[in-house]
Amino acid sequence: MKGRYEDENLKWIPALIALVIVIPFMLKGMTFSYKYYLYILNTVGIYIILTVGLDILSGYTGLISLGHAGFMAIGAYSSAILVDQVGLPFGLSLIISPIIAGLFGFIIGFPALRISGMYLGLTTMGFGFIIRRLIIALREWTQGSGGLVVSSPELFGFTIKGDWANYFLVWTFAVLTIVASRRMMKSKIGRAFMAIRDSEQAAQASGINIAQYKMMSFFISGVFAGLAGVLMAHTNHFISTDHFDNMLSIYFIIMVLVGGIGTIYGAVLGTIFIVLLENLIVPIIEKGLHEMFQVKAGDIESLIFGLIMFLFIIFQPTGLYGMWLKIRIYWKLFPFNPKQRFT
């Protein structure tokens, strides 16, 4: 009798955990500026949690969101207020704050029952603007646009300080998010999401409750974004409205599209690629072009990301993960083994 997850190869999980553990030690031995690279990797881990949730919503369920920075802000500010002003333990805030963000996602999911496509995207973008205005309006708790200082996370009596300790906290949740999302998308819930994405009429004819699963998708995606916000707030120790503008939401969409929409691994690859490109490659290009042509740094970054989007949409619409699958299939069939081709 087939096991529930027999078709899914889970042998990569121990290898992924081992890689996550080894990377900081490798960086420490290779470079004196390893703390900067750890900071970048922490950012990658936080964004992976959010983009995986965004991919569940947009890639698997087919619902566009341009306001995920708003969900992230809800998680960040909720945790900062609960821990530093209300006095709740960080561990409890790790549960409550993502649920708060998920509930906002559930509420925003109501328009998805009536509208779709561009109109839904504009609605979620408006939600992002509303959250930023609320943060400024509730300055008694949030300190408005001036920003809010956030304490270091404490778990099981230990205070987690520095990029080294934060790395293991962030990537523990990043790995758990990837594994849980893969399992979820292989389950009945994931199949229902994909059925809604492919054809709402066919899904409804198959007995799928469209409203229930759309709301569930928004809730799950909001929870992941809220969790990313909690980790961002307590590992960066400072948050403000500037950290959660709508350009960040578009930035997340770019990660998902470049990695390969509708694949959990694609969201991971896209996030790694874009964050490393922004922090390691783009600054070198900007410096060279600024010295040669006196071009502003921000203009070059926008040009590069726009060009990347254009090239991937035209030449590689399946993203980095799709590219990897094609390469793997090619080498699996090489040199054109008929037995492997037709089995």
C-alpha atoms as a PDB file:
ATOM      1  CA  MET A   1       0.000   0.000   0.000  1.00  0.00           C
ATOM      2  CA  LYS A   2       1.382   3.421  -0.967  1.00  0.00           C
ATOM      3  CA  GLY A   3       2.401   5.762   1.784  1.00  0.00           C
ATOM      4  CA  ARG A   4       0.952   9.251   1.785  1.00  0.00           C
ATOM      5  CA  TYR A   5       4.245  10.913   0.884  1.00  0.00           C
ATOM      6  CA  GLU A   6       5.854   8.051  -1.031  1.00  0.00           C
ATOM      7  CA  ASP A   7       5.917  10.011  -4.277  1.00  0.00           C
ATOM      8  CA  GLU A   8       7.709  12.943  -2.651  1.00  0.00           C
ATOM      9  CA  ASN A   9      11.447  12.634  -2.199  1.00  0.00           C
ATOM     10  CA  LEU A  10      12.226  13.900   1.289  1.00  0.00           C
ATOM     11  CA  LYS A  11      15.880  12.848   1.311  1.00  0.00           C
ATOM     12  CA  TRP A  12      16.864  16.468   0.679  1.00  0.00           C
ATOM     13  CA  ILE A  13      15.673  17.601   4.117  1.00  0.00           C
ATOM     14  CA  PRO A  14      18.700  16.292   6.136  1.00  0.00           C
ATOM     15  CA  ALA A  15      21.027  17.672   3.450  1.00  0.00           C
ATOM     16  CA  LEU A  16      19.316  21.070   3.629  1.00  0.00           C
ATOM     17  CA  ILE A  17      19.573  21.158   7.429  1.00  0.00           C
ATOM     18  CA  ALA A  18      23.259  20.179   7.277  1.00  0.00           C
ATOM     19  CA  LEU A  19      23.934  22.899   4.672  1.00  0.00           C
ATOM     20  CA  VAL A  20      22.184  25.541   6.788  1.00  0.00           C
ATOM     21  CA  ILE A  21      24.292  24.572   9.812  1.00  0.00           C
ATOM     22  CA  VAL A  22      27.593  24.468   7.917  1.00  0.00           C
ATOM     23  CA  ILE A  23      27.294  27.752   5.960  1.00  0.00           C
ATOM     24  CA  PRO A  24      27.978  30.198   8.866  1.00  0.00           C
ATOM     25  CA  PHE A  25      31.065  28.223   9.916  1.00  0.00           C
ATOM     26  CA  MET A  26      32.347  28.259   6.324  1.00  0.00           C
ATOM     27  CA  LEU A  27      31.821  32.017   6.093  1.00  0.00           C
ATOM     28  CA  LYS A  28      33.582  32.593   9.396  1.00  0.00           C
ATOM     29  CA  GLY A  29      36.623  30.702   8.176  1.00  0.00           C
ATOM     30  CA  MET A  30      36.719  32.302   4.733  1.00  0.00           C
ATOM     31  CA  THR A  31      36.220  36.026   5.310  1.00  0.00           C
ATOM     32  CA  PHE A  32      36.639  38.700   7.973  1.00  0.00           C
ATOM     33  CA  SER A  33      33.369  40.360   6.909  1.00  0.00           C
ATOM     34  CA  TYR A  34      31.324  37.241   7.583  1.00  0.00           C
ATOM     35  CA  LYS A  35      28.893  39.214   9.775  1.00  0.00           C
ATOM     36  CA  TYR A  36      27.751  41.192   6.743  1.00  0.00           C
ATOM     37  CA  TYR A  37      27.153  37.976   4.801  1.00  0.00           C
ATOM     38  CA  LEU A  38      25.285  36.506   7.762  1.00  0.00           C
ATOM     39  CA  TYR A  39      23.054  39.590   7.775  1.00  0.00           C
ATOM     40  CA  ILE A  40      22.314  39.020   4.069  1.00  0.00           C
ATOM     41  CA  LEU A  41      21.556  35.344   4.714  1.00  0.00           C
ATOM     42  CA  ASN A  42      19.236  36.311   7.560  1.00  0.00           C
ATOM     43  CA  THR A  43      17.391  38.595   5.154  1.00  0.00           C
ATOM     44  CA  VAL A  44      17.184  35.738   2.651  1.00  0.00           C
ATOM     45  CA  GLY A  45      15.687  33.430   5.295  1.00  0.00           C
ATOM     46  CA  ILE A  46      13.091  35.996   6.390  1.00  0.00           C
ATOM     47  CA  TYR A  47      12.064  36.754   2.814  1.00  0.00           C
ATOM     48  CA  ILE A  48      11.847  33.038   1.971  1.00  0.00           C
ATOM     49  CA  ILE A  49       9.190  32.607   4.659  1.00  0.00           C
ATOM     50  CA  LEU A  50       7.134  35.410   3.107  1.00  0.00           C
ATOM     51  CA  THR A  51       7.637  34.481  -0.566  1.00  0.00           C
ATOM     52  CA  VAL A  52       6.688  30.858   0.079  1.00  0.00           C
ATOM     53  CA  GLY A  53       3.405  32.128   1.547  1.00  0.00           C
ATOM     54  CA  LEU A  54       2.973  34.517  -1.390  1.00  0.00           C
ATOM     55  CA  ASP A  55       3.559  31.656  -3.819  1.00  0.00           C
ATOM     56  CA  ILE A  56       0.851  29.608  -2.095  1.00  0.00           C
ATOM     57  CA  LEU A  57      -1.557  32.500  -2.659  1.00  0.00           C
ATOM     58  CA  SER A  58      -0.526  33.662  -6.141  1.00  0.00           C
ATOM     59  CA  GLY A  59       1.201  30.632  -7.633  1.00  0.00           C
ATOM     60  CA  TYR A  60      -0.965  27.811  -6.320  1.00  0.00           C
ATOM     61  CA  THR A  61      -4.328  29.556  -5.835  1.00  0.00           C
ATOM     62  CA  GLY A  62      -4.005  32.140  -8.617  1.00  0.00           C
ATOM     63  CA  LEU A  63      -4.847  35.180  -6.454  1.00  0.00           C
ATOM     64  CA  ILE A  64      -2.721  38.276  -7.044  1.00  0.00           C
ATOM     65  CA  SER A  65      -1.423  40.206  -4.036  1.00  0.00           C
ATOM     66  CA  LEU A  66       0.492  43.470  -4.186  1.00  0.00           C
ATOM     67  CA  GLY A  67       0.175  44.176  -0.475  1.00  0.00           C
ATOM     68  CA  HIS A  68       2.234  41.533   1.290  1.00  0.00           C
ATOM     69  CA  ALA A  69       4.515  44.159   2.777  1.00  0.00           C
ATOM     70  CA  GLY A  70       1.412  45.250   4.717  1.00  0.00           C
ATOM     71  CA  PHE A  71       0.952  41.760   6.222  1.00  0.00           C
ATOM     72  CA  MET A  72       4.635  41.738   7.104  1.00  0.00           C
ATOM     73  CA  ALA A  73       4.243  45.117   8.826  1.00  0.00           C
ATOM     74  CA  ILE A  74       1.295  43.816  10.856  1.00  0.00           C
ATOM     75  CA  GLY A  75       3.356  40.898  12.131  1.00  0.00           C
ATOM     76  CA  ALA A  76       6.353  43.115  12.910  1.00  0.00           C
ATOM     77  CA  TYR A  77       4.476  45.856  14.768  1.00  0.00           C
ATOM     78  CA  SER A  78       2.157  43.411  16.551  1.00  0.00           C
ATOM     79  CA  SER A  79       5.106  41.489  17.963  1.00  0.00           C
ATOM     80  CA  ALA A  80       7.027  44.645  18.903  1.00  0.00           C
ATOM     81  CA  ILE A  81       4.016  46.015  20.789  1.00  0.00           C
ATOM     82  CA  LEU A  82       3.084  42.706  22.436  1.00  0.00           C
ATOM     83  CA  VAL A  83       6.617  41.967  23.633  1.00  0.00           C
ATOM     84  CA  ASP A  84       7.976  45.416  24.513  1.00  0.00           C
ATOM     85  CA  GLN A  85       4.818  47.240  25.617  1.00  0.00           C
ATOM     86  CA  VAL A  86       2.354  44.575  26.743  1.00  0.00           C
ATOM     87  CA  GLY A  87       5.045  42.319  28.200  1.00  0.00           C
ATOM     88  CA  LEU A  88       4.206  39.014  26.492  1.00  0.00           C
ATOM     89  CA  PRO A  89       7.037  36.494  26.015  1.00  0.00           C
ATOM     90  CA  PHE A  90       8.586  36.390  22.553  1.00  0.00           C
ATOM     91  CA  GLY A  91       7.639  32.720  22.161  1.00  0.00           C
ATOM     92  CA  LEU A  92       3.968  33.553  22.650  1.00  0.00           C
ATOM     93  CA  SER A  93       4.250  36.484  20.262  1.00  0.00           C
ATOM     94  CA  LEU A  94       5.646  34.091  17.634  1.00  0.00           C
ATOM     95  CA  ILE A  95       2.221  32.440  17.666  1.00  0.00           C
ATOM     96  CA  ILE A  96      -0.107  35.395  18.211  1.00  0.00           C
ATOM     97  CA  SER A  97       1.418  37.959  15.805  1.00  0.00           C
ATOM     98  CA  PRO A  98       1.353  35.716  12.679  1.00  0.00           C
ATOM     99  CA  ILE A  99      -2.247  34.775  13.506  1.00  0.00           C
ATOM    100  CA  ILE A 100      -3.152  38.490  13.698  1.00  0.00           C
ATOM    101  CA  ALA A 101      -1.600  39.001  10.263  1.00  0.00           C
ATOM    102  CA  GLY A 102      -3.434  35.896   9.028  1.00  0.00           C
ATOM    103  CA  LEU A 103      -6.757  37.293  10.256  1.00  0.00           C
ATOM    104  CA  PHE A 104      -6.123  40.475   8.290  1.00  0.00           C
ATOM    105  CA  GLY A 105      -5.404  38.255   5.302  1.00  0.00           C
ATOM    106  CA  PHE A 106      -8.706  36.483   5.937  1.00  0.00           C
ATOM    107  CA  ILE A 107     -10.513  39.837   5.899  1.00  0.00           C
ATOM    108  CA  ILE A 108      -8.742  40.972   2.716  1.00  0.00           C
ATOM    109  CA  GLY A 109      -9.735  37.629   1.198  1.00  0.00           C
ATOM    110  CA  PHE A 110     -13.385  38.696   1.072  1.00  0.00           C
ATOM    111  CA  PRO A 111     -12.905  40.867  -2.048  1.00  0.00           C
ATOM    112  CA  ALA A 112     -11.311  37.811  -3.732  1.00  0.00           C
ATOM    113  CA  LEU A 113     -14.752  36.191  -3.685  1.00  0.00           C
ATOM    114  CA  ARG A 114     -16.041  38.898  -6.029  1.00  0.00           C
ATOM    115  CA  ILE A 115     -13.043  40.216  -7.970  1.00  0.00           C
ATOM    116  CA  SER A 116      -9.888  38.787  -9.476  1.00  0.00           C
ATOM    117  CA  GLY A 117      -6.864  39.647 -11.578  1.00  0.00           C
ATOM    118  CA  MET A 118      -5.785  43.274 -11.785  1.00  0.00           C
ATOM    119  CA  TYR A 119      -8.660  44.493  -9.602  1.00  0.00           C
ATOM    120  CA  LEU A 120      -7.685  42.171  -6.761  1.00  0.00           C
ATOM    121  CA  GLY A 121      -4.074  43.277  -7.108  1.00  0.00           C
ATOM    122  CA  LEU A 122      -5.085  46.937  -6.816  1.00  0.00           C
ATOM    123  CA  THR A 123      -7.267  46.119  -3.782  1.00  0.00           C
ATOM    124  CA  THR A 124      -4.346  44.467  -1.968  1.00  0.00           C
ATOM    125  CA  MET A 125      -2.085  47.369  -2.933  1.00  0.00           C
ATOM    126  CA  GLY A 126      -4.600  49.726  -1.341  1.00  0.00           C
ATOM    127  CA  PHE A 127      -4.467  47.564   1.775  1.00  0.00           C
ATOM    128  CA  GLY A 128      -0.715  48.201   1.926  1.00  0.00           C
ATOM    129  CA  PHE A 129      -1.292  51.972   1.850  1.00  0.00           C
ATOM    130  CA  ILE A 130      -3.927  51.685   4.588  1.00  0.00           C
ATOM    131  CA  ILE A 131      -1.599  49.747   6.896  1.00  0.00           C
ATOM    132  CA  ARG A 132       1.140  52.359   6.527  1.00  0.00           C
ATOM    133  CA  ARG A 133      -1.317  55.144   7.349  1.00  0.00           C
ATOM    134  CA  LEU A 134      -2.589  53.208  10.382  1.00  0.00           C
ATOM    135  CA  ILE A 135       0.965  52.793  11.653  1.00  0.00           C
ATOM    136  CA  ILE A 136       1.464  56.557  11.445  1.00  0.00           C
ATOM    137  CA  ALA A 137      -1.942  57.302  12.990  1.00  0.00           C
ATOM    138  CA  LEU A 138      -1.376  54.941  15.952  1.00  0.00           C
ATOM    139  CA  ARG A 139       1.876  56.693  16.901  1.00  0.00           C
ATOM    140  CA  GLU A 140       1.149  56.243  20.615  1.00  0.00           C
ATOM    141  CA  TRP A 141       2.130  52.582  20.191  1.00  0.00           C
ATOM    142  CA  THR A 142       4.070  52.589  16.927  1.00  0.00           C
ATOM    143  CA  GLN A 143       6.003  55.903  17.237  1.00  0.00           C
ATOM    144  CA  GLY A 144       4.592  56.829  13.825  1.00  0.00           C
ATOM    145  CA  SER A 145       6.934  57.338  10.889  1.00  0.00           C
ATOM    146  CA  GLY A 146       9.853  57.876  13.278  1.00  0.00           C
ATOM    147  CA  GLY A 147      10.251  54.148  13.737  1.00  0.00           C
ATOM    148  CA  LEU A 148      10.164  51.765  16.671  1.00  0.00           C
ATOM    149  CA  VAL A 149      13.089  50.196  18.519  1.00  0.00           C
ATOM    150  CA  VAL A 150      12.518  46.463  19.105  1.00  0.00           C
ATOM    151  CA  SER A 151      14.120  44.219  21.723  1.00  0.00           C
ATOM    152  CA  SER A 152      16.150  41.076  21.032  1.00  0.00           C
ATOM    153  CA  PRO A 153      14.157  37.814  20.992  1.00  0.00           C
ATOM    154  CA  GLU A 154      14.204  35.589  24.091  1.00  0.00           C
ATOM    155  CA  LEU A 155      13.433  31.877  23.896  1.00  0.00           C
ATOM    156  CA  PHE A 156      13.646  29.308  26.711  1.00  0.00           C
ATOM    157  CA  GLY A 157      15.452  31.804  28.932  1.00  0.00           C
ATOM    158  CA  PHE A 158      18.139  32.656  26.354  1.00  0.00           C
ATOM    159  CA  THR A 159      18.481  36.084  24.738  1.00  0.00           C
ATOM    160  CA  ILE A 160      19.292  35.778  21.034  1.00  0.00           C
ATOM    161  CA  LYS A 161      21.736  38.527  20.064  1.00  0.00           C
ATOM    162  CA  GLY A 162      23.868  39.149  17.009  1.00  0.00           C
ATOM    163  CA  ASP A 163      23.649  37.953  13.422  1.00  0.00           C
ATOM    164  CA  TRP A 164      25.201  34.573  14.317  1.00  0.00           C
ATOM    165  CA  ALA A 165      22.466  33.609  16.783  1.00  0.00           C
ATOM    166  CA  ASN A 166      19.759  35.227  14.658  1.00  0.00           C
ATOM    167  CA  TYR A 167      20.887  33.117  11.693  1.00  0.00           C
ATOM    168  CA  PHE A 168      19.932  29.853  13.384  1.00  0.00           C
ATOM    169  CA  LEU A 169      16.630  31.285  14.639  1.00  0.00           C
ATOM    170  CA  VAL A 170      15.617  32.605  11.212  1.00  0.00           C
ATOM    171  CA  TRP A 171      16.681  29.557   9.233  1.00  0.00           C
ATOM    172  CA  THR A 172      15.015  27.146  11.632  1.00  0.00           C
ATOM    173  CA  PHE A 173      11.699  28.759  10.752  1.00  0.00           C
ATOM    174  CA  ALA A 174      12.664  29.054   7.067  1.00  0.00           C
ATOM    175  CA  VAL A 175      13.331  25.296   6.801  1.00  0.00           C
ATOM    176  CA  LEU A 176      10.147  24.474   8.720  1.00  0.00           C
ATOM    177  CA  THR A 177       8.187  26.770   6.392  1.00  0.00           C
ATOM    178  CA  ILE A 178       9.573  25.082   3.263  1.00  0.00           C
ATOM    179  CA  VAL A 179       8.902  21.563   4.551  1.00  0.00           C
ATOM    180  CA  ALA A 180       5.406  22.390   5.854  1.00  0.00           C
ATOM    181  CA  SER A 181       4.470  24.174   2.615  1.00  0.00           C
ATOM    182  CA  ARG A 182       5.643  21.277   0.456  1.00  0.00           C
ATOM    183  CA  ARG A 183       3.594  18.851   2.534  1.00  0.00           C
ATOM    184  CA  MET A 184       0.569  21.137   2.421  1.00  0.00           C
ATOM    185  CA  MET A 185       0.698  21.546  -1.365  1.00  0.00           C
ATOM    186  CA  LYS A 186       0.832  17.754  -1.770  1.00  0.00           C
ATOM    187  CA  SER A 187      -2.268  17.364   0.384  1.00  0.00           C
ATOM    188  CA  LYS A 188      -5.971  17.862  -0.310  1.00  0.00           C
ATOM    189  CA  ILE A 189      -5.613  21.579   0.482  1.00  0.00           C
ATOM    190  CA  GLY A 190      -2.910  22.081  -2.132  1.00  0.00           C
ATOM    191  CA  ARG A 191      -4.849  20.159  -4.781  1.00  0.00           C
ATOM    192  CA  ALA A 192      -7.912  22.330  -4.068  1.00  0.00           C
ATOM    193  CA  PHE A 193      -5.805  25.503  -4.416  1.00  0.00           C
ATOM    194  CA  MET A 194      -4.464  24.352  -7.794  1.00  0.00           C
ATOM    195  CA  ALA A 195      -7.926  23.377  -8.994  1.00  0.00           C
ATOM    196  CA  ILE A 196      -9.193  26.885  -8.191  1.00  0.00           C
ATOM    197  CA  ARG A 197      -6.216  28.405 -10.004  1.00  0.00           C
ATOM    198  CA  ASP A 198      -6.763  26.322 -13.141  1.00  0.00           C
ATOM    199  CA  SER A 199     -10.553  26.699 -13.365  1.00  0.00           C
ATOM    200  CA  GLU A 200     -12.944  27.930 -10.711  1.00  0.00           C
ATOM    201  CA  GLN A 201     -15.916  26.491 -12.590  1.00  0.00           C
ATOM    202  CA  ALA A 202     -14.357  23.042 -12.836  1.00  0.00           C
ATOM    203  CA  ALA A 203     -13.285  23.177  -9.182  1.00  0.00           C
ATOM    204  CA  GLN A 204     -16.790  24.095  -8.074  1.00  0.00           C
ATOM    205  CA  ALA A 205     -18.244  21.303 -10.217  1.00  0.00           C
ATOM    206  CA  SER A 206     -15.865  18.907  -8.438  1.00  0.00           C
ATOM    207  CA  GLY A 207     -17.346  19.868  -5.076  1.00  0.00           C
ATOM    208  CA  ILE A 208     -14.643  22.279  -3.915  1.00  0.00           C
ATOM    209  CA  ASN A 209     -15.883  25.134  -1.736  1.00  0.00           C
ATOM    210  CA  ILE A 210     -14.336  28.071  -3.631  1.00  0.00           C
ATOM    211  CA  ALA A 211     -14.968  30.676  -0.924  1.00  0.00           C
ATOM    212  CA  GLN A 212     -13.584  28.488   1.869  1.00  0.00           C
ATOM    213  CA  TYR A 213     -10.319  27.682   0.101  1.00  0.00           C
ATOM    214  CA  LYS A 214      -9.732  31.230  -1.148  1.00  0.00           C
ATOM    215  CA  MET A 215     -10.119  32.561   2.383  1.00  0.00           C
ATOM    216  CA  MET A 216      -7.878  29.786   3.678  1.00  0.00           C
ATOM    217  CA  SER A 217      -5.196  30.660   1.121  1.00  0.00           C
ATOM    218  CA  PHE A 218      -5.226  34.326   2.164  1.00  0.00           C
ATOM    219  CA  PHE A 219      -5.060  33.318   5.844  1.00  0.00           C
ATOM    220  CA  ILE A 220      -2.111  30.933   5.360  1.00  0.00           C
ATOM    221  CA  SER A 221      -0.240  33.465   3.236  1.00  0.00           C
ATOM    222  CA  GLY A 222      -0.887  36.186   5.828  1.00  0.00           C
ATOM    223  CA  VAL A 223       0.395  33.937   8.627  1.00  0.00           C
ATOM    224  CA  PHE A 224       3.682  33.322   6.793  1.00  0.00           C
ATOM    225  CA  ALA A 225       4.076  37.046   6.044  1.00  0.00           C
ATOM    226  CA  GLY A 226       3.345  37.866   9.686  1.00  0.00           C
ATOM    227  CA  LEU A 227       5.942  35.339  10.865  1.00  0.00           C
ATOM    228  CA  ALA A 228       8.497  36.939   8.536  1.00  0.00           C
ATOM    229  CA  GLY A 229       7.605  40.334  10.032  1.00  0.00           C
ATOM    230  CA  VAL A 230       8.097  39.070  13.597  1.00  0.00           C
ATOM    231  CA  LEU A 231      11.560  37.721  12.775  1.00  0.00           C
ATOM    232  CA  MET A 232      12.482  40.883  10.886  1.00  0.00           C
ATOM    233  CA  ALA A 233      11.470  43.145  13.773  1.00  0.00           C
ATOM    234  CA  HIS A 234      13.337  41.258  16.505  1.00  0.00           C
ATOM    235  CA  THR A 235      16.477  40.466  14.528  1.00  0.00           C
ATOM    236  CA  ASN A 236      16.911  43.954  12.996  1.00  0.00           C
ATOM    237  CA  HIS A 237      15.882  45.678  16.282  1.00  0.00           C
ATOM    238  CA  PHE A 238      14.273  48.592  14.435  1.00  0.00           C
ATOM    239  CA  ILE A 239      11.219  48.963  12.201  1.00  0.00           C
ATOM    240  CA  SER A 240       9.555  51.906  10.487  1.00  0.00           C
ATOM    241  CA  THR A 241       7.071  52.569   7.703  1.00  0.00           C
ATOM    242  CA  ASP A 242       9.991  52.897   5.268  1.00  0.00           C
ATOM    243  CA  HIS A 243      10.652  49.159   5.661  1.00  0.00           C
ATOM    244  CA  PHE A 244       7.189  48.206   4.387  1.00  0.00           C
ATOM    245  CA  ASP A 245       6.398  50.329   1.331  1.00  0.00           C
ATOM    246  CA  ASN A 246       4.522  48.927  -1.657  1.00  0.00           C
ATOM    247  CA  MET A 247       7.712  48.622  -3.680  1.00  0.00           C
ATOM    248  CA  LEU A 248       8.695  45.867  -1.272  1.00  0.00           C
ATOM    249  CA  SER A 249       5.503  43.994  -2.213  1.00  0.00           C
ATOM    250  CA  ILE A 250       6.451  44.260  -5.894  1.00  0.00           C
ATOM    251  CA  TYR A 251       9.942  43.121  -4.922  1.00  0.00           C
ATOM    252  CA  PHE A 252       8.413  39.944  -3.453  1.00  0.00           C
ATOM    253  CA  ILE A 253       6.413  39.348  -6.642  1.00  0.00           C
ATOM    254  CA  ILE A 254       9.645  39.602  -8.649  1.00  0.00           C
ATOM    255  CA  MET A 255      11.239  36.945  -6.419  1.00  0.00           C
ATOM    256  CA  VAL A 256       8.369  34.540  -6.987  1.00  0.00           C
ATOM    257  CA  LEU A 257       8.253  35.128 -10.765  1.00  0.00           C
ATOM    258  CA  VAL A 258      12.014  34.832 -11.235  1.00  0.00           C
ATOM    259  CA  GLY A 259      12.175  31.660  -9.161  1.00  0.00           C
ATOM    260  CA  GLY A 260       9.193  30.025 -10.845  1.00  0.00           C
ATOM    261  CA  ILE A 261       5.626  30.754  -9.810  1.00  0.00           C
ATOM    262  CA  GLY A 262       3.589  27.818  -8.535  1.00  0.00           C
ATOM    263  CA  THR A 263       6.586  25.968  -7.063  1.00  0.00           C
ATOM    264  CA  ILE A 264       7.761  26.194  -3.462  1.00  0.00           C
ATOM    265  CA  TYR A 265      11.350  25.582  -4.497  1.00  0.00           C
ATOM    266  CA  GLY A 266      11.001  28.314  -7.115  1.00  0.00           C
ATOM    267  CA  ALA A 267      10.073  30.847  -4.422  1.00  0.00           C
ATOM    268  CA  VAL A 268      13.179  29.804  -2.476  1.00  0.00           C
ATOM    269  CA  LEU A 269      15.507  30.022  -5.481  1.00  0.00           C
ATOM    270  CA  GLY A 270      14.048  33.346  -6.606  1.00  0.00           C
ATOM    271  CA  THR A 271      14.476  34.879  -3.159  1.00  0.00           C
ATOM    272  CA  ILE A 272      18.081  33.724  -2.874  1.00  0.00           C
ATOM    273  CA  PHE A 273      18.876  34.968  -6.379  1.00  0.00           C
ATOM    274  CA  ILE A 274      17.292  38.429  -6.018  1.00  0.00           C
ATOM    275  CA  VAL A 275      18.601  39.182  -2.503  1.00  0.00           C
ATOM    276  CA  LEU A 276      22.146  38.098  -3.350  1.00  0.00           C
ATOM    277  CA  LEU A 277      21.966  40.031  -6.620  1.00  0.00           C
ATOM    278  CA  GLU A 278      20.787  43.187  -4.839  1.00  0.00           C
ATOM    279  CA  ASN A 279      23.350  43.047  -2.045  1.00  0.00           C
ATOM    280  CA  LEU A 280      26.417  41.589  -3.754  1.00  0.00           C
ATOM    281  CA  ILE A 281      26.281  42.096  -7.532  1.00  0.00           C
ATOM    282  CA  VAL A 282      24.262  45.298  -8.040  1.00  0.00           C
ATOM    283  CA  PRO A 283      26.497  47.453  -5.739  1.00  0.00           C
ATOM    284  CA  ILE A 284      29.558  46.496  -7.827  1.00  0.00           C
ATOM    285  CA  ILE A 285      27.772  47.349 -11.082  1.00  0.00           C
ATOM    286  CA  GLU A 286      26.431  50.612  -9.630  1.00  0.00           C
ATOM    287  CA  LYS A 287      29.871  51.657  -8.422  1.00  0.00           C
ATOM    288  CA  GLY A 288      31.445  51.048 -11.810  1.00  0.00           C
ATOM    289  CA  LEU A 289      28.720  52.843 -13.780  1.00  0.00           C
ATOM    290  CA  HIS A 290      28.653  55.742 -11.336  1.00  0.00           C
ATOM    291  CA  GLU A 291      32.373  56.287 -11.732  1.00  0.00           C
ATOM    292  CA  MET A 292      32.164  56.039 -15.518  1.00  0.00           C
ATOM    293  CA  PHE A 293      28.904  57.848 -16.322  1.00  0.00           C
ATOM    294  CA  GLN A 294      27.879  59.546 -13.024  1.00  0.00           C
ATOM    295  CA  VAL A 295      24.617  57.559 -12.996  1.00  0.00           C
ATOM    296  CA  LYS A 296      22.553  57.525  -9.788  1.00  0.00           C
ATOM    297  CA  ALA A 297      22.650  54.262  -7.836  1.00  0.00           C
ATOM    298  CA  GLY A 298      18.877  53.893  -7.491  1.00  0.00           C
ATOM    299  CA  ASP A 299      18.351  54.263 -11.238  1.00  0.00           C
ATOM    300  CA  ILE A 300      20.730  51.396 -11.996  1.00  0.00           C
ATOM    301  CA  GLU A 301      19.042  49.088  -9.486  1.00  0.00           C
ATOM    302  CA  SER A 302      15.600  49.759 -10.996  1.00  0.00           C
ATOM    303  CA  LEU A 303      16.983  49.200 -14.489  1.00  0.00           C
ATOM    304  CA  ILE A 304      18.598  45.882 -13.551  1.00  0.00           C
ATOM    305  CA  PHE A 305      15.493  44.485 -11.834  1.00  0.00           C
ATOM    306  CA  GLY A 306      13.266  45.648 -14.683  1.00  0.00           C
ATOM    307  CA  LEU A 307      15.579  43.978 -17.189  1.00  0.00           C
ATOM    308  CA  ILE A 308      15.610  40.752 -15.178  1.00  0.00           C
ATOM    309  CA  MET A 309      11.801  40.684 -15.090  1.00  0.00           C
ATOM    310  CA  PHE A 310      11.640  41.322 -18.842  1.00  0.00           C
ATOM    311  CA  LEU A 311      14.163  38.599 -19.706  1.00  0.00           C
ATOM    312  CA  PHE A 312      12.597  35.957 -17.462  1.00  0.00           C
ATOM    313  CA  ILE A 313       9.025  36.620 -18.600  1.00  0.00           C
ATOM    314  CA  ILE A 314      10.012  36.475 -22.285  1.00  0.00           C
ATOM    315  CA  PHE A 315      12.706  33.774 -22.352  1.00  0.00           C
ATOM    316  CA  GLN A 316      12.244  31.763 -19.151  1.00  0.00           C
ATOM    317  CA  PRO A 317       8.619  32.042 -17.917  1.00  0.00           C
ATOM    318  CA  THR A 318       9.004  28.929 -15.736  1.00  0.00           C
ATOM    319  CA  GLY A 319      11.760  30.679 -13.742  1.00  0.00           C
ATOM    320  CA  LEU A 320      14.939  29.332 -12.226  1.00  0.00           C
ATOM    321  CA  TYR A 321      13.280  26.184 -10.933  1.00  0.00           C
ATOM    322  CA  GLY A 322      11.852  25.442 -14.373  1.00  0.00           C
ATOM    323  CA  MET A 323      15.322  25.939 -15.829  1.00  0.00           C
ATOM    324  CA  TRP A 324      16.738  23.491 -13.304  1.00  0.00           C
ATOM    325  CA  LEU A 325      14.072  20.888 -14.160  1.00  0.00           C
ATOM    326  CA  LYS A 326      14.884  21.160 -17.872  1.00  0.00           C
ATOM    327  CA  ILE A 327      18.609  20.717 -17.187  1.00  0.00           C
ATOM    328  CA  ARG A 328      17.949  17.733 -14.914  1.00  0.00           C
ATOM    329  CA  ILE A 329      15.661  16.043 -17.460  1.00  0.00           C
ATOM    330  CA  TYR A 330      18.191  16.653 -20.234  1.00  0.00           C
ATOM    331  CA  TRP A 331      21.048  15.019 -18.339  1.00  0.00           C
ATOM    332  CA  LYS A 332      18.783  12.205 -17.169  1.00  0.00           C
ATOM    333  CA  LEU A 333      17.993  11.331 -20.820  1.00  0.00           C
ATOM    334  CA  PHE A 334      21.520  11.944 -22.060  1.00  0.00           C
ATOM    335  CA  PRO A 335      22.693  10.460 -24.376  1.00  0.00           C
ATOM    336  CA  PHE A 336      19.097  10.037 -25.572  1.00  0.00           C
ATOM    337  CA  ASN A 337      18.368   6.737 -23.862  1.00  0.00           C
ATOM    338  CA  PRO A 338      15.011   5.490 -25.302  1.00  0.00           C
ATOM    339  CA  LYS A 339      14.377   3.294 -22.284  1.00  0.00           C
ATOM    340  CA  GLN A 340      14.567   6.252 -19.923  1.00  0.00           C
ATOM    341  CA  ARG A 341      12.636   8.471 -22.329  1.00  0.00           C
ATOM    342  CA  PHE A 342       9.508   6.330 -22.360  1.00  0.00           C
ATOM    343  CA  THR A 343       9.424   4.922 -18.810  1.00  0.00           C
END
